[in-house]
Amino acid sequence: MRISRTPCIKLCIALSSAAIALTCNAMLFAQGKPASAEATHRTASSSENQHGLAAVYSDRLNGRRTASGERYDRNALTAANPSYAFGTKVKVTNKKNGKSVVVRINDRGPVQKERVIDLSPAAAHQIGMGRMSTAEVDLEPVK
């Protein structure tokens, strides 16, 4: 008995396409859903200072939801930090030039382990960082 391969191939293609579509939908859903603060970080003390490397957020993320649930605005004075609670205001000081800015933590990150904070372009500009640069900074929570 000979079985035609065409129906089997069509079925395999249909099942593969469905699996890919489900995976893509799950990934899109996950990106739009805010992460819980407890699941994504260790909360730092509100008086704990931090020191390290700062970077500038990508413009590609403008308008996307942050981990806190609000939309990222490249023109706002906001930042991502892995440990300060959402809503914490932090004074960021560029060690090279002494310029500082107060930002509000509204996202988790940075992804790179050597960095302590990702700044919006507006905040990075205020402390004299170039568009694609990083800078050594001091972080001090503001009461």
C-alpha atoms as a PDB file:
ATOM      1  CA  MET A   1       0.000   0.000   0.000  1.00  0.00           C
ATOM      2  CA  ARG A   2       1.382   3.328  -1.005  1.00  0.00           C
ATOM      3  CA  ILE A   3       0.642   6.487   1.053  1.00  0.00           C
ATOM      4  CA  SER A   4       0.821   9.857  -0.634  1.00  0.00           C
ATOM      5  CA  ARG A   5       3.351  12.191   0.972  1.00  0.00           C
ATOM      6  CA  THR A   6       1.532  15.381  -0.024  1.00  0.00           C
ATOM      7  CA  PRO A   7      -1.128  15.294   2.768  1.00  0.00           C
ATOM      8  CA  CYS A   8       1.553  14.460   5.355  1.00  0.00           C
ATOM      9  CA  ILE A   9       3.755  17.333   4.203  1.00  0.00           C
ATOM     10  CA  LYS A  10       0.824  19.740   4.242  1.00  0.00           C
ATOM     11  CA  LEU A  11      -0.097  18.621   7.767  1.00  0.00           C
ATOM     12  CA  CYS A  12       3.497  19.077   8.978  1.00  0.00           C
ATOM     13  CA  ILE A  13       3.659  22.561   7.464  1.00  0.00           C
ATOM     14  CA  ALA A  14       0.321  23.515   9.028  1.00  0.00           C
ATOM     15  CA  LEU A  15       1.373  22.246  12.469  1.00  0.00           C
ATOM     16  CA  SER A  16       4.755  24.014  12.236  1.00  0.00           C
ATOM     17  CA  SER A  17       3.093  27.281  11.228  1.00  0.00           C
ATOM     18  CA  ALA A  18       0.641  27.009  14.128  1.00  0.00           C
ATOM     19  CA  ALA A  19       3.466  26.367  16.596  1.00  0.00           C
ATOM     20  CA  ILE A  20       5.421  29.359  15.308  1.00  0.00           C
ATOM     21  CA  ALA A  21       2.343  31.593  15.498  1.00  0.00           C
ATOM     22  CA  LEU A  22       1.613  30.511  19.084  1.00  0.00           C
ATOM     23  CA  THR A  23       5.210  31.128  20.110  1.00  0.00           C
ATOM     24  CA  CYS A  24       5.226  34.594  18.517  1.00  0.00           C
ATOM     25  CA  ASN A  25       1.918  35.512  20.172  1.00  0.00           C
ATOM     26  CA  ALA A  26       3.211  34.360  23.558  1.00  0.00           C
ATOM     27  CA  MET A  27       6.352  36.467  23.140  1.00  0.00           C
ATOM     28  CA  LEU A  28       4.373  39.559  22.140  1.00  0.00           C
ATOM     29  CA  PHE A  29       1.994  39.083  25.078  1.00  0.00           C
ATOM     30  CA  ALA A  30       4.918  38.756  27.478  1.00  0.00           C
ATOM     31  CA  GLN A  31       6.518  41.974  26.180  1.00  0.00           C
ATOM     32  CA  GLY A  32       3.368  44.001  26.799  1.00  0.00           C
ATOM     33  CA  LYS A  33       2.744  42.647  30.280  1.00  0.00           C
ATOM     34  CA  PRO A  34       4.479  44.403  33.158  1.00  0.00           C
ATOM     35  CA  ALA A  35       6.794  42.218  35.217  1.00  0.00           C
ATOM     36  CA  SER A  36       6.290  42.094  38.952  1.00  0.00           C
ATOM     37  CA  ALA A  37       8.939  43.967  40.881  1.00  0.00           C
ATOM     38  CA  GLU A  38       9.549  41.018  43.225  1.00  0.00           C
ATOM     39  CA  ALA A  39      10.156  38.595  40.373  1.00  0.00           C
ATOM     40  CA  THR A  40      12.726  40.718  38.600  1.00  0.00           C
ATOM     41  CA  HIS A  41      15.003  42.254  41.205  1.00  0.00           C
ATOM     42  CA  ARG A  42      16.358  42.581  44.684  1.00  0.00           C
ATOM     43  CA  THR A  43      15.091  45.824  46.193  1.00  0.00           C
ATOM     44  CA  ALA A  44      17.878  48.074  47.397  1.00  0.00           C
ATOM     45  CA  SER A  45      17.542  50.124  50.516  1.00  0.00           C
ATOM     46  CA  SER A  46      16.139  53.557  49.724  1.00  0.00           C
ATOM     47  CA  SER A  47      19.284  55.074  51.278  1.00  0.00           C
ATOM     48  CA  GLU A  48      21.819  52.769  49.561  1.00  0.00           C
ATOM     49  CA  ASN A  49      24.196  54.540  47.179  1.00  0.00           C
ATOM     50  CA  GLN A  50      25.475  52.753  44.085  1.00  0.00           C
ATOM     51  CA  HIS A  51      28.435  53.366  41.790  1.00  0.00           C
ATOM     52  CA  GLY A  52      29.239  52.086  38.315  1.00  0.00           C
ATOM     53  CA  LEU A  53      28.675  52.437  34.612  1.00  0.00           C
ATOM     54  CA  ALA A  54      25.653  54.202  33.096  1.00  0.00           C
ATOM     55  CA  ALA A  55      24.408  53.782  29.529  1.00  0.00           C
ATOM     56  CA  VAL A  56      21.761  55.432  27.364  1.00  0.00           C
ATOM     57  CA  TYR A  57      18.456  53.701  26.586  1.00  0.00           C
ATOM     58  CA  SER A  58      17.862  52.800  22.970  1.00  0.00           C
ATOM     59  CA  ASP A  59      15.471  54.995  20.973  1.00  0.00           C
ATOM     60  CA  ARG A  60      13.941  51.758  19.631  1.00  0.00           C
ATOM     61  CA  LEU A  61      12.213  51.298  22.985  1.00  0.00           C
ATOM     62  CA  ASN A  62      10.361  54.632  22.882  1.00  0.00           C
ATOM     63  CA  GLY A  63       6.646  54.054  23.473  1.00  0.00           C
ATOM     64  CA  ARG A  64       7.040  50.479  24.723  1.00  0.00           C
ATOM     65  CA  ARG A  65       5.887  49.452  28.165  1.00  0.00           C
ATOM     66  CA  THR A  66       8.474  49.387  30.928  1.00  0.00           C
ATOM     67  CA  ALA A  67       8.583  46.788  33.704  1.00  0.00           C
ATOM     68  CA  SER A  68       6.529  49.176  35.865  1.00  0.00           C
ATOM     69  CA  GLY A  69       3.765  49.186  33.248  1.00  0.00           C
ATOM     70  CA  GLU A  70       4.152  52.760  32.055  1.00  0.00           C
ATOM     71  CA  ARG A  71       5.255  53.660  28.548  1.00  0.00           C
ATOM     72  CA  TYR A  72       8.887  54.609  28.025  1.00  0.00           C
ATOM     73  CA  ASP A  73       9.337  58.246  26.997  1.00  0.00           C
ATOM     74  CA  ARG A  74      12.797  59.141  25.710  1.00  0.00           C
ATOM     75  CA  ASN A  75      12.209  62.805  26.688  1.00  0.00           C
ATOM     76  CA  ALA A  76      11.353  62.095  30.333  1.00  0.00           C
ATOM     77  CA  LEU A  77      13.922  62.011  33.130  1.00  0.00           C
ATOM     78  CA  THR A  78      13.603  58.285  33.826  1.00  0.00           C
ATOM     79  CA  ALA A  79      15.911  55.308  34.210  1.00  0.00           C
ATOM     80  CA  ALA A  80      16.187  51.546  34.592  1.00  0.00           C
ATOM     81  CA  ASN A  81      17.926  50.011  37.599  1.00  0.00           C
ATOM     82  CA  PRO A  82      17.866  46.389  38.767  1.00  0.00           C
ATOM     83  CA  SER A  83      17.422  47.071  42.470  1.00  0.00           C
ATOM     84  CA  TYR A  84      15.798  50.405  43.378  1.00  0.00           C
ATOM     85  CA  ALA A  85      12.021  50.260  43.780  1.00  0.00           C
ATOM     86  CA  PHE A  86       9.833  51.710  41.023  1.00  0.00           C
ATOM     87  CA  GLY A  87       9.179  55.394  41.652  1.00  0.00           C
ATOM     88  CA  THR A  88      12.450  55.938  43.543  1.00  0.00           C
ATOM     89  CA  LYS A  89      14.067  59.255  42.651  1.00  0.00           C
ATOM     90  CA  VAL A  90      17.806  58.949  42.200  1.00  0.00           C
ATOM     91  CA  LYS A  91      20.452  61.640  41.765  1.00  0.00           C
ATOM     92  CA  VAL A  92      22.849  60.476  39.032  1.00  0.00           C
ATOM     93  CA  THR A  93      26.234  62.242  38.983  1.00  0.00           C
ATOM     94  CA  ASN A  94      28.695  61.902  36.123  1.00  0.00           C
ATOM     95  CA  LYS A  95      32.082  61.359  37.824  1.00  0.00           C
ATOM     96  CA  LYS A  96      34.028  62.832  34.898  1.00  0.00           C
ATOM     97  CA  ASN A  97      32.379  66.274  34.785  1.00  0.00           C
ATOM     98  CA  GLY A  98      30.416  66.517  38.051  1.00  0.00           C
ATOM     99  CA  LYS A  99      27.074  67.153  36.282  1.00  0.00           C
ATOM    100  CA  SER A 100      24.020  65.565  37.873  1.00  0.00           C
ATOM    101  CA  VAL A 101      20.344  64.907  37.199  1.00  0.00           C
ATOM    102  CA  VAL A 102      17.496  63.475  39.260  1.00  0.00           C
ATOM    103  CA  VAL A 103      15.682  60.592  37.537  1.00  0.00           C
ATOM    104  CA  ARG A 104      12.740  58.396  38.483  1.00  0.00           C
ATOM    105  CA  ILE A 105      13.197  54.611  38.303  1.00  0.00           C
ATOM    106  CA  ASN A 106      10.458  53.109  36.135  1.00  0.00           C
ATOM    107  CA  ASP A 107      12.100  50.050  34.578  1.00  0.00           C
ATOM    108  CA  ARG A 108      14.391  47.107  35.265  1.00  0.00           C
ATOM    109  CA  GLY A 109      17.788  46.772  33.713  1.00  0.00           C
ATOM    110  CA  PRO A 110      20.395  47.259  32.467  1.00  0.00           C
ATOM    111  CA  VAL A 111      20.887  43.868  30.893  1.00  0.00           C
ATOM    112  CA  GLN A 112      24.696  44.138  30.898  1.00  0.00           C
ATOM    113  CA  LYS A 113      26.100  43.145  34.280  1.00  0.00           C
ATOM    114  CA  GLU A 114      28.824  45.827  34.336  1.00  0.00           C
ATOM    115  CA  ARG A 115      26.214  48.605  34.200  1.00  0.00           C
ATOM    116  CA  VAL A 116      24.218  49.951  37.141  1.00  0.00           C
ATOM    117  CA  ILE A 117      21.712  52.169  35.316  1.00  0.00           C
ATOM    118  CA  ASP A 118      20.225  52.881  31.890  1.00  0.00           C
ATOM    119  CA  LEU A 119      19.272  56.536  31.419  1.00  0.00           C
ATOM    120  CA  SER A 120      16.752  58.068  29.057  1.00  0.00           C
ATOM    121  CA  PRO A 121      18.420  60.197  26.358  1.00  0.00           C
ATOM    122  CA  ALA A 122      17.063  63.333  28.073  1.00  0.00           C
ATOM    123  CA  ALA A 123      18.703  62.405  31.381  1.00  0.00           C
ATOM    124  CA  ALA A 124      21.948  61.333  29.703  1.00  0.00           C
ATOM    125  CA  HIS A 125      22.106  64.673  27.881  1.00  0.00           C
ATOM    126  CA  GLN A 126      21.779  66.596  31.158  1.00  0.00           C
ATOM    127  CA  ILE A 127      24.873  64.914  32.616  1.00  0.00           C
ATOM    128  CA  GLY A 128      26.908  65.365  29.428  1.00  0.00           C
ATOM    129  CA  MET A 129      26.840  61.835  28.045  1.00  0.00           C
ATOM    130  CA  GLY A 130      27.015  61.370  24.295  1.00  0.00           C
ATOM    131  CA  ARG A 131      24.265  59.429  22.480  1.00  0.00           C
ATOM    132  CA  MET A 132      26.169  56.146  22.237  1.00  0.00           C
ATOM    133  CA  SER A 133      28.488  56.485  25.215  1.00  0.00           C
ATOM    134  CA  THR A 134      28.720  55.197  28.737  1.00  0.00           C
ATOM    135  CA  ALA A 135      29.907  57.072  31.816  1.00  0.00           C
ATOM    136  CA  GLU A 136      31.062  56.293  35.348  1.00  0.00           C
ATOM    137  CA  VAL A 137      28.365  57.550  37.707  1.00  0.00           C
ATOM    138  CA  ASP A 138      27.376  57.755  41.362  1.00  0.00           C
ATOM    139  CA  LEU A 139      23.746  56.992  42.259  1.00  0.00           C
ATOM    140  CA  GLU A 140      22.234  58.561  45.353  1.00  0.00           C
ATOM    141  CA  PRO A 141      18.549  58.059  46.256  1.00  0.00           C
ATOM    142  CA  VAL A 142      16.733  61.345  46.888  1.00  0.00           C
ATOM    143  CA  LYS A 143      14.321  61.617  49.787  1.00  0.00           C
END
